[in-house]
Amino acid sequence: MVAALVLAACGGPSHHAGASGPSGSATTSTQPASSSAPAVTAATLALGEEGNPHNWNPLAATAAGDPVLQTVAAAVLPSAFVVGPGLHPTRNAALVTAATEVSSSPQVVDYRINPEATWSDGTPVTAADFVYTWEADSGQRRFRDAGGHPFTPASTAGYDRVASVAQGAAGPGSVVVRFATPDPDWRALFSPLLPAHVGRRVGFDTGFTNPVTDLVSAGPFVVQSWRPGVDVVLARNPAWWGQGSALSTVTVDEVPNAGIGGVSLQQGQLDAAQLPFTPGGAKTLRATPGLSVWTSGSGVYDDLVPNERSGLFASVTVRRAVMLAVDRSALAQLAGTEGDV
């Protein structure tokens, strides 16, 4: 079981301008609040993440797993469903007002896009964005990236079960997804959703080279600035139609490694950081005055896979009994303590 360690300075986000991060860079808050934002206008969060992305498309194989990119993409790109603290997918009403499984044989899912949903460059979010995201991640070589090359996604999971994605009869705001093979995990699709009008122009695999110009937003933040290898500054999206953030900016400092992120937290150079869990690291940081530490599940998990070909596990009854006997909650709790995992 693998857990992620999330750390934040006590007392909430700092109100500062020109706070030094681990790279020696300065962060400033200059973006005015949008009409839907709360009254707080000067709050800036300095967040440390390990990574230095060169392609800002989180679904491309060349960019998969970069923590800086994942943090930025979560604030900028919309998702049909989001996973909350309970690890259950919840429909993102800011993007889709309905996502309904209208048929099970064949499996058909109907999405209705929020009519207010708009990319930060003024382009409406439409079925074309769903179509493009599926084509790029489907693994089907009949679909081509800009320049005529096949798409190379980080994963085709789920999308490879889809037979077609098309605009519905209700117009550009409706999407019909038909599955060739039933997918019980269909809510994980279109998370995130890519801007088709940008991707088809610059290219899926290597075209998102500048997050300021290429990573248009349909989320609460836009990328205000980027200094390669130093930091990325997110500011409130003035075109955002949803609930505004209390933060006017989020500065993501690109730290060289998780160790530097932990030291920077201890020295007060960062407000927060998300680090991989180690028992020793958690113990040290919990003992640091002024830090609050939370552990949470991560996207990495361990599987218990029995040998079904021989021995006791060849019996389905034995396999079921063992799986039911495993205390998953106890394992998760153990992984988040200072004891041996």
C-alpha atoms as a PDB file:
ATOM      1  CA  MET A   1       0.000   0.000   0.000  1.00  0.00           C
ATOM      2  CA  VAL A   2       1.439   3.374  -0.959  1.00  0.00           C
ATOM      3  CA  ALA A   3       0.330   6.641   0.601  1.00  0.00           C
ATOM      4  CA  ALA A   4       0.975  10.231  -0.355  1.00  0.00           C
ATOM      5  CA  LEU A   5       2.064  12.748   2.232  1.00  0.00           C
ATOM      6  CA  VAL A   6       0.498  16.207   2.094  1.00  0.00           C
ATOM      7  CA  LEU A   7       1.983  18.932   4.231  1.00  0.00           C
ATOM      8  CA  ALA A   8       0.896  22.495   4.886  1.00  0.00           C
ATOM      9  CA  ALA A   9       2.003  25.313   7.118  1.00  0.00           C
ATOM     10  CA  CYS A  10      -0.375  25.917  10.009  1.00  0.00           C
ATOM     11  CA  GLY A  11      -2.573  28.971   9.913  1.00  0.00           C
ATOM     12  CA  GLY A  12      -3.777  28.621   6.323  1.00  0.00           C
ATOM     13  CA  PRO A  13      -2.350  30.244   3.201  1.00  0.00           C
ATOM     14  CA  SER A  14       0.157  32.993   3.687  1.00  0.00           C
ATOM     15  CA  HIS A  15      -0.533  36.544   2.638  1.00  0.00           C
ATOM     16  CA  HIS A  16       2.699  37.636   1.060  1.00  0.00           C
ATOM     17  CA  ALA A  17       4.302  39.102  -2.008  1.00  0.00           C
ATOM     18  CA  GLY A  18       7.855  38.285  -2.874  1.00  0.00           C
ATOM     19  CA  ALA A  19       8.216  35.196  -0.663  1.00  0.00           C
ATOM     20  CA  SER A  20      11.324  33.239  -1.529  1.00  0.00           C
ATOM     21  CA  GLY A  21      10.928  29.625  -2.630  1.00  0.00           C
ATOM     22  CA  PRO A  22      13.561  26.902  -2.730  1.00  0.00           C
ATOM     23  CA  SER A  23      14.710  28.029  -6.133  1.00  0.00           C
ATOM     24  CA  GLY A  24      15.306  31.561  -4.920  1.00  0.00           C
ATOM     25  CA  SER A  25      12.389  32.764  -7.033  1.00  0.00           C
ATOM     26  CA  ALA A  26       9.882  35.374  -5.960  1.00  0.00           C
ATOM     27  CA  THR A  27       6.116  34.993  -6.013  1.00  0.00           C
ATOM     28  CA  THR A  28       3.787  37.919  -6.380  1.00  0.00           C
ATOM     29  CA  SER A  29       0.012  38.313  -6.388  1.00  0.00           C
ATOM     30  CA  THR A  30      -1.227  40.768  -8.963  1.00  0.00           C
ATOM     31  CA  GLN A  31      -4.289  39.107 -10.527  1.00  0.00           C
ATOM     32  CA  PRO A  32      -7.551  40.916  -9.656  1.00  0.00           C
ATOM     33  CA  ALA A  33     -10.384  38.841  -8.264  1.00  0.00           C
ATOM     34  CA  SER A  34     -13.121  37.695 -10.633  1.00  0.00           C
ATOM     35  CA  SER A  35     -16.725  38.558  -9.911  1.00  0.00           C
ATOM     36  CA  SER A  36     -17.448  35.087  -8.502  1.00  0.00           C
ATOM     37  CA  ALA A  37     -14.382  34.991  -6.237  1.00  0.00           C
ATOM     38  CA  PRO A  38     -14.548  35.485  -2.458  1.00  0.00           C
ATOM     39  CA  ALA A  39     -13.508  38.763  -0.905  1.00  0.00           C
ATOM     40  CA  VAL A  40      -9.963  37.573  -0.139  1.00  0.00           C
ATOM     41  CA  THR A  41      -7.724  38.958  -2.874  1.00  0.00           C
ATOM     42  CA  ALA A  42      -4.173  38.835  -1.529  1.00  0.00           C
ATOM     43  CA  ALA A  43      -3.752  35.176  -0.570  1.00  0.00           C
ATOM     44  CA  THR A  44      -0.964  33.338  -2.339  1.00  0.00           C
ATOM     45  CA  LEU A  45      -0.050  29.691  -1.791  1.00  0.00           C
ATOM     46  CA  ALA A  46       3.551  28.634  -2.386  1.00  0.00           C
ATOM     47  CA  LEU A  47       3.406  24.942  -3.268  1.00  0.00           C
ATOM     48  CA  GLY A  48       6.471  22.791  -3.867  1.00  0.00           C
ATOM     49  CA  GLU A  49       6.350  19.915  -6.355  1.00  0.00           C
ATOM     50  CA  GLU A  50       9.023  17.713  -7.905  1.00  0.00           C
ATOM     51  CA  GLY A  51       9.107  17.886 -11.696  1.00  0.00           C
ATOM     52  CA  ASN A  52       9.969  19.902 -14.782  1.00  0.00           C
ATOM     53  CA  PRO A  53       7.478  19.149 -17.573  1.00  0.00           C
ATOM     54  CA  HIS A  54       8.362  19.857 -21.182  1.00  0.00           C
ATOM     55  CA  ASN A  55       4.958  18.900 -22.560  1.00  0.00           C
ATOM     56  CA  TRP A  56       1.943  20.266 -20.688  1.00  0.00           C
ATOM     57  CA  ASN A  57      -0.578  17.705 -21.930  1.00  0.00           C
ATOM     58  CA  PRO A  58      -1.186  15.397 -18.928  1.00  0.00           C
ATOM     59  CA  LEU A  59      -2.623  12.640 -21.149  1.00  0.00           C
ATOM     60  CA  ALA A  60       0.419  12.328 -23.413  1.00  0.00           C
ATOM     61  CA  ALA A  61       2.966   9.575 -22.837  1.00  0.00           C
ATOM     62  CA  THR A  62       5.789  12.106 -22.868  1.00  0.00           C
ATOM     63  CA  ALA A  63       4.345  13.950 -19.873  1.00  0.00           C
ATOM     64  CA  ALA A  64       2.819  11.189 -17.764  1.00  0.00           C
ATOM     65  CA  GLY A  65       3.349  11.275 -14.015  1.00  0.00           C
ATOM     66  CA  ASP A  66       5.053  14.658 -13.645  1.00  0.00           C
ATOM     67  CA  PRO A  67       3.803  16.018 -10.273  1.00  0.00           C
ATOM     68  CA  VAL A  68       4.065  19.679 -11.311  1.00  0.00           C
ATOM     69  CA  LEU A  69       2.027  18.993 -14.427  1.00  0.00           C
ATOM     70  CA  GLN A  70      -0.570  16.989 -12.529  1.00  0.00           C
ATOM     71  CA  THR A  71      -1.042  19.834 -10.029  1.00  0.00           C
ATOM     72  CA  VAL A  72      -1.347  22.465 -12.751  1.00  0.00           C
ATOM     73  CA  ALA A  73      -3.670  20.339 -14.895  1.00  0.00           C
ATOM     74  CA  ALA A  74      -6.001  19.708 -11.934  1.00  0.00           C
ATOM     75  CA  ALA A  75      -6.437  23.470 -11.490  1.00  0.00           C
ATOM     76  CA  VAL A  76      -6.814  24.263 -15.190  1.00  0.00           C
ATOM     77  CA  LEU A  77      -8.352  21.362 -17.129  1.00  0.00           C
ATOM     78  CA  PRO A  78     -11.927  20.247 -16.365  1.00  0.00           C
ATOM     79  CA  SER A  79     -13.034  16.685 -15.590  1.00  0.00           C
ATOM     80  CA  ALA A  80     -16.420  15.052 -16.047  1.00  0.00           C
ATOM     81  CA  PHE A  81     -16.085  13.369 -12.650  1.00  0.00           C
ATOM     82  CA  VAL A  82     -13.816  14.195  -9.728  1.00  0.00           C
ATOM     83  CA  VAL A  83     -12.663  11.939  -6.912  1.00  0.00           C
ATOM     84  CA  GLY A  84     -13.223  13.342  -3.430  1.00  0.00           C
ATOM     85  CA  PRO A  85     -11.862  12.367  -0.010  1.00  0.00           C
ATOM     86  CA  GLY A  86     -14.029   9.246   0.040  1.00  0.00           C
ATOM     87  CA  LEU A  87     -12.372   8.064  -3.205  1.00  0.00           C
ATOM     88  CA  HIS A  88     -15.758   7.911  -4.928  1.00  0.00           C
ATOM     89  CA  PRO A  89     -16.214   9.640  -8.309  1.00  0.00           C
ATOM     90  CA  THR A  90     -18.636  12.550  -8.192  1.00  0.00           C
ATOM     91  CA  ARG A  91     -20.067  14.299 -11.236  1.00  0.00           C
ATOM     92  CA  ASN A  92     -18.493  17.698 -11.768  1.00  0.00           C
ATOM     93  CA  ALA A  93     -21.534  19.932 -12.202  1.00  0.00           C
ATOM     94  CA  ALA A  94     -19.334  22.814 -13.346  1.00  0.00           C
ATOM     95  CA  LEU A  95     -18.606  20.827 -16.508  1.00  0.00           C
ATOM     96  CA  VAL A  96     -21.545  18.448 -16.980  1.00  0.00           C
ATOM     97  CA  THR A  97     -25.064  18.927 -15.673  1.00  0.00           C
ATOM     98  CA  ALA A  98     -25.906  15.258 -16.327  1.00  0.00           C
ATOM     99  CA  ALA A  99     -24.058  12.021 -17.098  1.00  0.00           C
ATOM    100  CA  THR A 100     -26.543   9.211 -17.519  1.00  0.00           C
ATOM    101  CA  GLU A 101     -26.132   5.578 -18.501  1.00  0.00           C
ATOM    102  CA  VAL A 102     -29.137   5.380 -20.832  1.00  0.00           C
ATOM    103  CA  SER A 103     -28.534   1.831 -22.048  1.00  0.00           C
ATOM    104  CA  SER A 104     -26.655  -1.219 -20.780  1.00  0.00           C
ATOM    105  CA  SER A 105     -26.729  -3.432 -23.867  1.00  0.00           C
ATOM    106  CA  PRO A 106     -24.988  -1.876 -25.635  1.00  0.00           C
ATOM    107  CA  GLN A 107     -23.700   0.455 -22.948  1.00  0.00           C
ATOM    108  CA  VAL A 108     -24.470   4.072 -23.851  1.00  0.00           C
ATOM    109  CA  VAL A 109     -23.745   7.125 -21.701  1.00  0.00           C
ATOM    110  CA  ASP A 110     -25.267  10.532 -22.373  1.00  0.00           C
ATOM    111  CA  TYR A 111     -23.483  13.673 -21.141  1.00  0.00           C
ATOM    112  CA  ARG A 112     -24.990  17.151 -21.003  1.00  0.00           C
ATOM    113  CA  ILE A 113     -22.412  19.937 -20.895  1.00  0.00           C
ATOM    114  CA  ASN A 114     -23.013  22.908 -18.631  1.00  0.00           C
ATOM    115  CA  PRO A 115     -24.030  25.716 -21.038  1.00  0.00           C
ATOM    116  CA  GLU A 116     -21.786  28.119 -19.089  1.00  0.00           C
ATOM    117  CA  ALA A 117     -18.688  25.981 -19.627  1.00  0.00           C
ATOM    118  CA  THR A 118     -16.180  27.997 -21.645  1.00  0.00           C
ATOM    119  CA  TRP A 119     -12.454  27.779 -22.241  1.00  0.00           C
ATOM    120  CA  SER A 120     -10.490  30.808 -21.060  1.00  0.00           C
ATOM    121  CA  ASP A 121      -9.934  31.973 -24.656  1.00  0.00           C
ATOM    122  CA  GLY A 122     -13.711  32.312 -25.125  1.00  0.00           C
ATOM    123  CA  THR A 123     -14.291  29.033 -26.975  1.00  0.00           C
ATOM    124  CA  PRO A 124     -17.296  27.084 -25.607  1.00  0.00           C
ATOM    125  CA  VAL A 125     -16.740  23.580 -24.239  1.00  0.00           C
ATOM    126  CA  THR A 126     -18.573  21.270 -26.649  1.00  0.00           C
ATOM    127  CA  ALA A 127     -18.891  17.658 -27.747  1.00  0.00           C
ATOM    128  CA  ALA A 128     -15.861  18.249 -29.990  1.00  0.00           C
ATOM    129  CA  ASP A 129     -13.654  18.276 -26.883  1.00  0.00           C
ATOM    130  CA  PHE A 130     -15.018  14.892 -25.791  1.00  0.00           C
ATOM    131  CA  VAL A 131     -14.508  13.484 -29.288  1.00  0.00           C
ATOM    132  CA  TYR A 132     -10.911  14.714 -29.442  1.00  0.00           C
ATOM    133  CA  THR A 133     -10.016  13.406 -25.987  1.00  0.00           C
ATOM    134  CA  TRP A 134     -11.360   9.960 -26.891  1.00  0.00           C
ATOM    135  CA  GLU A 135      -9.648   9.827 -30.279  1.00  0.00           C
ATOM    136  CA  ALA A 136      -6.299  10.761 -28.770  1.00  0.00           C
ATOM    137  CA  ASP A 137      -6.568   8.202 -25.958  1.00  0.00           C
ATOM    138  CA  SER A 138      -8.350   5.394 -27.808  1.00  0.00           C
ATOM    139  CA  GLY A 139      -5.221   3.648 -29.071  1.00  0.00           C
ATOM    140  CA  GLN A 140      -6.771   3.377 -32.533  1.00  0.00           C
ATOM    141  CA  ARG A 141      -4.192   4.128 -35.220  1.00  0.00           C
ATOM    142  CA  ARG A 142      -6.876   5.377 -37.594  1.00  0.00           C
ATOM    143  CA  PHE A 143      -6.919   8.581 -35.563  1.00  0.00           C
ATOM    144  CA  ARG A 144      -3.992  10.901 -36.250  1.00  0.00           C
ATOM    145  CA  ASP A 145      -2.275  13.665 -34.399  1.00  0.00           C
ATOM    146  CA  ALA A 146      -1.257  16.958 -36.005  1.00  0.00           C
ATOM    147  CA  GLY A 147       1.262  16.187 -38.721  1.00  0.00           C
ATOM    148  CA  GLY A 148      -0.335  12.818 -39.515  1.00  0.00           C
ATOM    149  CA  HIS A 149       1.350  10.828 -36.747  1.00  0.00           C
ATOM    150  CA  PRO A 150      -0.534   8.346 -34.538  1.00  0.00           C
ATOM    151  CA  PHE A 151      -1.374   9.562 -31.047  1.00  0.00           C
ATOM    152  CA  THR A 152       0.796   8.192 -28.229  1.00  0.00           C
ATOM    153  CA  PRO A 153      -1.248   8.531 -25.026  1.00  0.00           C
ATOM    154  CA  ALA A 154       0.045   7.645 -21.582  1.00  0.00           C
ATOM    155  CA  SER A 155      -2.810   5.146 -21.246  1.00  0.00           C
ATOM    156  CA  THR A 156      -5.746   3.903 -23.297  1.00  0.00           C
ATOM    157  CA  ALA A 157      -7.540   2.383 -20.289  1.00  0.00           C
ATOM    158  CA  GLY A 158     -11.289   2.763 -20.642  1.00  0.00           C
ATOM    159  CA  TYR A 159     -11.072   4.682 -23.900  1.00  0.00           C
ATOM    160  CA  ASP A 160     -10.143   1.478 -25.719  1.00  0.00           C
ATOM    161  CA  ARG A 161     -13.573   0.085 -24.777  1.00  0.00           C
ATOM    162  CA  VAL A 162     -15.415   2.926 -26.511  1.00  0.00           C
ATOM    163  CA  ALA A 163     -16.889   2.352 -29.971  1.00  0.00           C
ATOM    164  CA  SER A 164     -17.800   5.973 -30.698  1.00  0.00           C
ATOM    165  CA  VAL A 165     -18.141   9.449 -29.221  1.00  0.00           C
ATOM    166  CA  ALA A 166     -20.410  11.888 -31.023  1.00  0.00           C
ATOM    167  CA  GLN A 167     -22.468  15.015 -30.607  1.00  0.00           C
ATOM    168  CA  GLY A 168     -25.980  14.172 -29.481  1.00  0.00           C
ATOM    169  CA  ALA A 169     -29.265  15.186 -31.039  1.00  0.00           C
ATOM    170  CA  ALA A 170     -29.597  18.095 -28.589  1.00  0.00           C
ATOM    171  CA  GLY A 171     -26.662  19.924 -30.177  1.00  0.00           C
ATOM    172  CA  PRO A 172     -23.034  20.750 -29.299  1.00  0.00           C
ATOM    173  CA  GLY A 173     -23.807  20.635 -25.596  1.00  0.00           C
ATOM    174  CA  SER A 174     -24.745  16.946 -25.659  1.00  0.00           C
ATOM    175  CA  VAL A 175     -22.391  13.983 -26.001  1.00  0.00           C
ATOM    176  CA  VAL A 176     -23.247  10.345 -26.695  1.00  0.00           C
ATOM    177  CA  VAL A 177     -20.634   7.724 -25.792  1.00  0.00           C
ATOM    178  CA  ARG A 178     -21.227   4.182 -27.087  1.00  0.00           C
ATOM    179  CA  PHE A 179     -19.135   1.298 -25.751  1.00  0.00           C
ATOM    180  CA  ALA A 180     -17.974  -1.716 -27.732  1.00  0.00           C
ATOM    181  CA  THR A 181     -17.216  -3.469 -24.438  1.00  0.00           C
ATOM    182  CA  PRO A 182     -19.059  -2.570 -21.213  1.00  0.00           C
ATOM    183  CA  ASP A 183     -17.002  -0.493 -18.810  1.00  0.00           C
ATOM    184  CA  PRO A 184     -18.128  -0.354 -15.158  1.00  0.00           C
ATOM    185  CA  ASP A 185     -15.528   2.355 -14.541  1.00  0.00           C
ATOM    186  CA  TRP A 186     -16.833   4.715 -17.245  1.00  0.00           C
ATOM    187  CA  ARG A 187     -16.947   7.635 -14.790  1.00  0.00           C
ATOM    188  CA  ALA A 188     -13.145   7.759 -14.930  1.00  0.00           C
ATOM    189  CA  LEU A 189     -13.253   8.867 -18.584  1.00  0.00           C
ATOM    190  CA  PHE A 190     -12.793  12.485 -19.716  1.00  0.00           C
ATOM    191  CA  SER A 191     -10.827  13.292 -16.591  1.00  0.00           C
ATOM    192  CA  PRO A 192      -9.310  15.538 -17.659  1.00  0.00           C
ATOM    193  CA  LEU A 193     -10.876  16.889 -20.831  1.00  0.00           C
ATOM    194  CA  LEU A 194      -8.609  18.466 -23.449  1.00  0.00           C
ATOM    195  CA  PRO A 195      -9.372  21.566 -25.581  1.00  0.00           C
ATOM    196  CA  ALA A 196      -9.852  20.157 -29.085  1.00  0.00           C
ATOM    197  CA  HIS A 197      -9.357  23.505 -30.840  1.00  0.00           C
ATOM    198  CA  VAL A 198      -5.868  23.781 -29.306  1.00  0.00           C
ATOM    199  CA  GLY A 199      -4.841  20.131 -29.521  1.00  0.00           C
ATOM    200  CA  ARG A 200      -5.708  19.752 -33.199  1.00  0.00           C
ATOM    201  CA  ARG A 201      -3.643  22.857 -33.941  1.00  0.00           C
ATOM    202  CA  VAL A 202      -0.501  22.330 -31.850  1.00  0.00           C
ATOM    203  CA  GLY A 203      -0.485  18.534 -31.561  1.00  0.00           C
ATOM    204  CA  PHE A 204      -1.312  16.121 -28.754  1.00  0.00           C
ATOM    205  CA  ASP A 205       2.064  14.472 -28.223  1.00  0.00           C
ATOM    206  CA  THR A 206       4.503  17.372 -28.171  1.00  0.00           C
ATOM    207  CA  GLY A 207       2.499  20.496 -28.996  1.00  0.00           C
ATOM    208  CA  PHE A 208       1.592  21.747 -25.528  1.00  0.00           C
ATOM    209  CA  THR A 209       5.020  23.300 -24.995  1.00  0.00           C
ATOM    210  CA  ASN A 210       3.972  26.511 -23.255  1.00  0.00           C
ATOM    211  CA  PRO A 211       1.337  26.330 -20.505  1.00  0.00           C
ATOM    212  CA  VAL A 212       0.631  30.056 -20.724  1.00  0.00           C
ATOM    213  CA  THR A 213      -0.421  29.998 -24.382  1.00  0.00           C
ATOM    214  CA  ASP A 214      -1.367  26.347 -25.003  1.00  0.00           C
ATOM    215  CA  LEU A 215      -2.994  25.213 -21.763  1.00  0.00           C
ATOM    216  CA  VAL A 216      -6.247  27.150 -22.058  1.00  0.00           C
ATOM    217  CA  SER A 217      -8.399  26.748 -18.980  1.00  0.00           C
ATOM    218  CA  ALA A 218     -11.904  25.599 -18.198  1.00  0.00           C
ATOM    219  CA  GLY A 219     -11.155  25.491 -14.498  1.00  0.00           C
ATOM    220  CA  PRO A 220     -10.861  27.968 -11.620  1.00  0.00           C
ATOM    221  CA  PHE A 221      -7.274  28.976 -12.500  1.00  0.00           C
ATOM    222  CA  VAL A 222      -5.252  29.939 -15.562  1.00  0.00           C
ATOM    223  CA  VAL A 223      -1.500  29.720 -16.001  1.00  0.00           C
ATOM    224  CA  GLN A 224      -0.301  33.282 -15.536  1.00  0.00           C
ATOM    225  CA  SER A 225       3.430  32.703 -15.983  1.00  0.00           C
ATOM    226  CA  TRP A 226       6.029  29.972 -16.305  1.00  0.00           C
ATOM    227  CA  ARG A 227       9.749  29.989 -15.749  1.00  0.00           C
ATOM    228  CA  PRO A 228      11.146  26.619 -16.902  1.00  0.00           C
ATOM    229  CA  GLY A 229      12.786  24.762 -14.056  1.00  0.00           C
ATOM    230  CA  VAL A 230      11.807  27.476 -11.568  1.00  0.00           C
ATOM    231  CA  ASP A 231       8.071  27.925 -11.044  1.00  0.00           C
ATOM    232  CA  VAL A 232       4.569  28.103 -12.507  1.00  0.00           C
ATOM    233  CA  VAL A 233       2.154  30.788 -11.309  1.00  0.00           C
ATOM    234  CA  LEU A 234      -1.579  30.086 -11.427  1.00  0.00           C
ATOM    235  CA  ALA A 235      -4.035  32.967 -11.155  1.00  0.00           C
ATOM    236  CA  ARG A 236      -7.810  33.049 -10.870  1.00  0.00           C
ATOM    237  CA  ASN A 237      -9.521  32.419 -14.194  1.00  0.00           C
ATOM    238  CA  PRO A 238     -11.567  35.587 -14.923  1.00  0.00           C
ATOM    239  CA  ALA A 239     -13.810  33.538 -17.235  1.00  0.00           C
ATOM    240  CA  TRP A 240     -14.551  30.893 -14.596  1.00  0.00           C
ATOM    241  CA  TRP A 241     -18.282  30.437 -14.050  1.00  0.00           C
ATOM    242  CA  GLY A 242     -18.068  28.282 -10.921  1.00  0.00           C
ATOM    243  CA  GLN A 243     -17.365  29.009  -7.286  1.00  0.00           C
ATOM    244  CA  GLY A 244     -14.285  31.193  -6.964  1.00  0.00           C
ATOM    245  CA  SER A 245     -11.168  30.376  -4.968  1.00  0.00           C
ATOM    246  CA  ALA A 246     -10.013  32.212  -1.849  1.00  0.00           C
ATOM    247  CA  LEU A 247      -6.534  32.150  -3.366  1.00  0.00           C
ATOM    248  CA  SER A 248      -5.685  34.794  -5.921  1.00  0.00           C
ATOM    249  CA  THR A 249      -2.564  32.936  -7.030  1.00  0.00           C
ATOM    250  CA  VAL A 250      -0.859  29.612  -6.496  1.00  0.00           C
ATOM    251  CA  THR A 251       2.873  29.460  -7.128  1.00  0.00           C
ATOM    252  CA  VAL A 252       4.136  25.958  -7.852  1.00  0.00           C
ATOM    253  CA  ASP A 253       7.877  25.898  -7.212  1.00  0.00           C
ATOM    254  CA  GLU A 254       9.619  23.163  -9.186  1.00  0.00           C
ATOM    255  CA  VAL A 255      11.797  21.498  -6.552  1.00  0.00           C
ATOM    256  CA  PRO A 256      14.588  19.140  -7.698  1.00  0.00           C
ATOM    257  CA  ASN A 257      13.420  16.248  -5.504  1.00  0.00           C
ATOM    258  CA  ALA A 258      11.131  15.349  -2.616  1.00  0.00           C
ATOM    259  CA  GLY A 259      13.965  15.788  -0.116  1.00  0.00           C
ATOM    260  CA  ILE A 260      14.390  19.422  -1.092  1.00  0.00           C
ATOM    261  CA  GLY A 261      10.634  19.913  -0.756  1.00  0.00           C
ATOM    262  CA  GLY A 262      10.692  18.586   2.797  1.00  0.00           C
ATOM    263  CA  VAL A 263      13.625  20.783   3.802  1.00  0.00           C
ATOM    264  CA  SER A 264      11.976  23.836   2.239  1.00  0.00           C
ATOM    265  CA  LEU A 265       8.856  23.192   4.317  1.00  0.00           C
ATOM    266  CA  GLN A 266      10.895  22.945   7.502  1.00  0.00           C
ATOM    267  CA  GLN A 267      12.652  26.217   6.674  1.00  0.00           C
ATOM    268  CA  GLY A 268       9.383  28.043   5.966  1.00  0.00           C
ATOM    269  CA  GLN A 269      10.139  28.581   2.271  1.00  0.00           C
ATOM    270  CA  LEU A 270       6.974  26.754   1.167  1.00  0.00           C
ATOM    271  CA  ASP A 271       3.388  26.924   2.394  1.00  0.00           C
ATOM    272  CA  ALA A 272       2.627  23.350   1.331  1.00  0.00           C
ATOM    273  CA  ALA A 273       4.002  20.363  -0.533  1.00  0.00           C
ATOM    274  CA  GLN A 274       2.809  16.951  -1.624  1.00  0.00           C
ATOM    275  CA  LEU A 275       5.489  14.338  -1.033  1.00  0.00           C
ATOM    276  CA  PRO A 276       5.753  10.555  -1.281  1.00  0.00           C
ATOM    277  CA  PHE A 277       5.216   8.879   2.062  1.00  0.00           C
ATOM    278  CA  THR A 278       8.104   7.420   4.064  1.00  0.00           C
ATOM    279  CA  PRO A 279       7.774   6.595   7.769  1.00  0.00           C
ATOM    280  CA  GLY A 280      10.969   8.473   8.642  1.00  0.00           C
ATOM    281  CA  GLY A 281      10.065  11.532   6.626  1.00  0.00           C
ATOM    282  CA  ALA A 282       6.600  11.695   8.160  1.00  0.00           C
ATOM    283  CA  LYS A 283       8.031  11.434  11.673  1.00  0.00           C
ATOM    284  CA  THR A 284      10.521  14.232  11.052  1.00  0.00           C
ATOM    285  CA  LEU A 285       7.987  16.590   9.561  1.00  0.00           C
ATOM    286  CA  ARG A 286       5.387  15.922  12.250  1.00  0.00           C
ATOM    287  CA  ALA A 287       7.977  16.946  14.806  1.00  0.00           C
ATOM    288  CA  THR A 288       8.578  20.294  13.048  1.00  0.00           C
ATOM    289  CA  PRO A 289       6.784  23.202  14.777  1.00  0.00           C
ATOM    290  CA  GLY A 290       4.306  25.018  12.558  1.00  0.00           C
ATOM    291  CA  LEU A 291       3.600  22.139  10.177  1.00  0.00           C
ATOM    292  CA  SER A 292       0.410  20.127   9.839  1.00  0.00           C
ATOM    293  CA  VAL A 293       0.730  16.735   8.167  1.00  0.00           C
ATOM    294  CA  TRP A 294      -1.968  14.706   6.424  1.00  0.00           C
ATOM    295  CA  THR A 295      -1.692  11.330   4.761  1.00  0.00           C
ATOM    296  CA  SER A 296      -3.962  10.260   1.932  1.00  0.00           C
ATOM    297  CA  GLY A 297      -4.306   7.516  -0.624  1.00  0.00           C
ATOM    298  CA  SER A 298      -2.363   7.883  -3.828  1.00  0.00           C
ATOM    299  CA  GLY A 299      -2.760   6.800  -7.426  1.00  0.00           C
ATOM    300  CA  VAL A 300      -0.296   3.968  -6.815  1.00  0.00           C
ATOM    301  CA  TYR A 301      -1.577   0.737  -5.326  1.00  0.00           C
ATOM    302  CA  ASP A 302      -0.504  -2.830  -4.581  1.00  0.00           C
ATOM    303  CA  ASP A 303      -2.301  -5.876  -5.928  1.00  0.00           C
ATOM    304  CA  LEU A 304      -2.615  -9.282  -4.294  1.00  0.00           C
ATOM    305  CA  VAL A 305      -2.735 -11.648  -7.265  1.00  0.00           C
ATOM    306  CA  PRO A 306      -3.085 -15.361  -6.365  1.00  0.00           C
ATOM    307  CA  ASN A 307      -1.713 -18.139  -8.546  1.00  0.00           C
ATOM    308  CA  GLU A 308      -4.883 -19.682  -9.956  1.00  0.00           C
ATOM    309  CA  ARG A 309      -3.103 -22.472 -11.860  1.00  0.00           C
ATOM    310  CA  SER A 310      -1.984 -24.657  -8.964  1.00  0.00           C
ATOM    311  CA  GLY A 311      -2.072 -25.103  -5.208  1.00  0.00           C
ATOM    312  CA  LEU A 312      -4.747 -23.888  -2.846  1.00  0.00           C
ATOM    313  CA  PHE A 313      -5.494 -20.769  -4.882  1.00  0.00           C
ATOM    314  CA  ALA A 314      -6.694 -22.916  -7.776  1.00  0.00           C
ATOM    315  CA  SER A 315      -9.945 -23.109  -5.831  1.00  0.00           C
ATOM    316  CA  VAL A 316     -12.239 -20.145  -6.328  1.00  0.00           C
ATOM    317  CA  THR A 317     -13.650 -20.760  -2.843  1.00  0.00           C
ATOM    318  CA  VAL A 318     -10.217 -20.387  -1.252  1.00  0.00           C
ATOM    319  CA  ARG A 319      -9.422 -17.283  -3.295  1.00  0.00           C
ATOM    320  CA  ARG A 320     -12.688 -15.649  -2.304  1.00  0.00           C
ATOM    321  CA  ALA A 321     -12.155 -16.516   1.371  1.00  0.00           C
ATOM    322  CA  VAL A 322      -8.659 -15.022   1.404  1.00  0.00           C
ATOM    323  CA  MET A 323      -9.737 -11.848  -0.362  1.00  0.00           C
ATOM    324  CA  LEU A 324     -12.630 -11.374   2.057  1.00  0.00           C
ATOM    325  CA  ALA A 325     -10.300 -11.947   5.013  1.00  0.00           C
ATOM    326  CA  VAL A 326      -7.880  -9.170   4.008  1.00  0.00           C
ATOM    327  CA  ASP A 327      -8.482  -6.115   6.202  1.00  0.00           C
ATOM    328  CA  ARG A 328      -7.981  -3.332   3.665  1.00  0.00           C
ATOM    329  CA  SER A 329      -8.704  -0.572   6.169  1.00  0.00           C
ATOM    330  CA  ALA A 330      -6.049  -1.904   8.542  1.00  0.00           C
ATOM    331  CA  LEU A 331      -3.488  -2.043   5.720  1.00  0.00           C
ATOM    332  CA  ALA A 332      -4.280   1.529   4.708  1.00  0.00           C
ATOM    333  CA  GLN A 333      -3.968   2.673   8.317  1.00  0.00           C
ATOM    334  CA  LEU A 334      -0.641   0.854   8.688  1.00  0.00           C
ATOM    335  CA  ALA A 335       0.711   2.497   5.550  1.00  0.00           C
ATOM    336  CA  GLY A 336       0.029   5.920   7.034  1.00  0.00           C
ATOM    337  CA  THR A 337       1.870   5.363  10.316  1.00  0.00           C
ATOM    338  CA  GLU A 338       5.475   5.499  11.327  1.00  0.00           C
ATOM    339  CA  GLY A 339       5.610   1.734  11.782  1.00  0.00           C
ATOM    340  CA  ASP A 340       6.857  -0.808   9.292  1.00  0.00           C
ATOM    341  CA  VAL A 341       4.700  -1.166   6.196  1.00  0.00           C
END
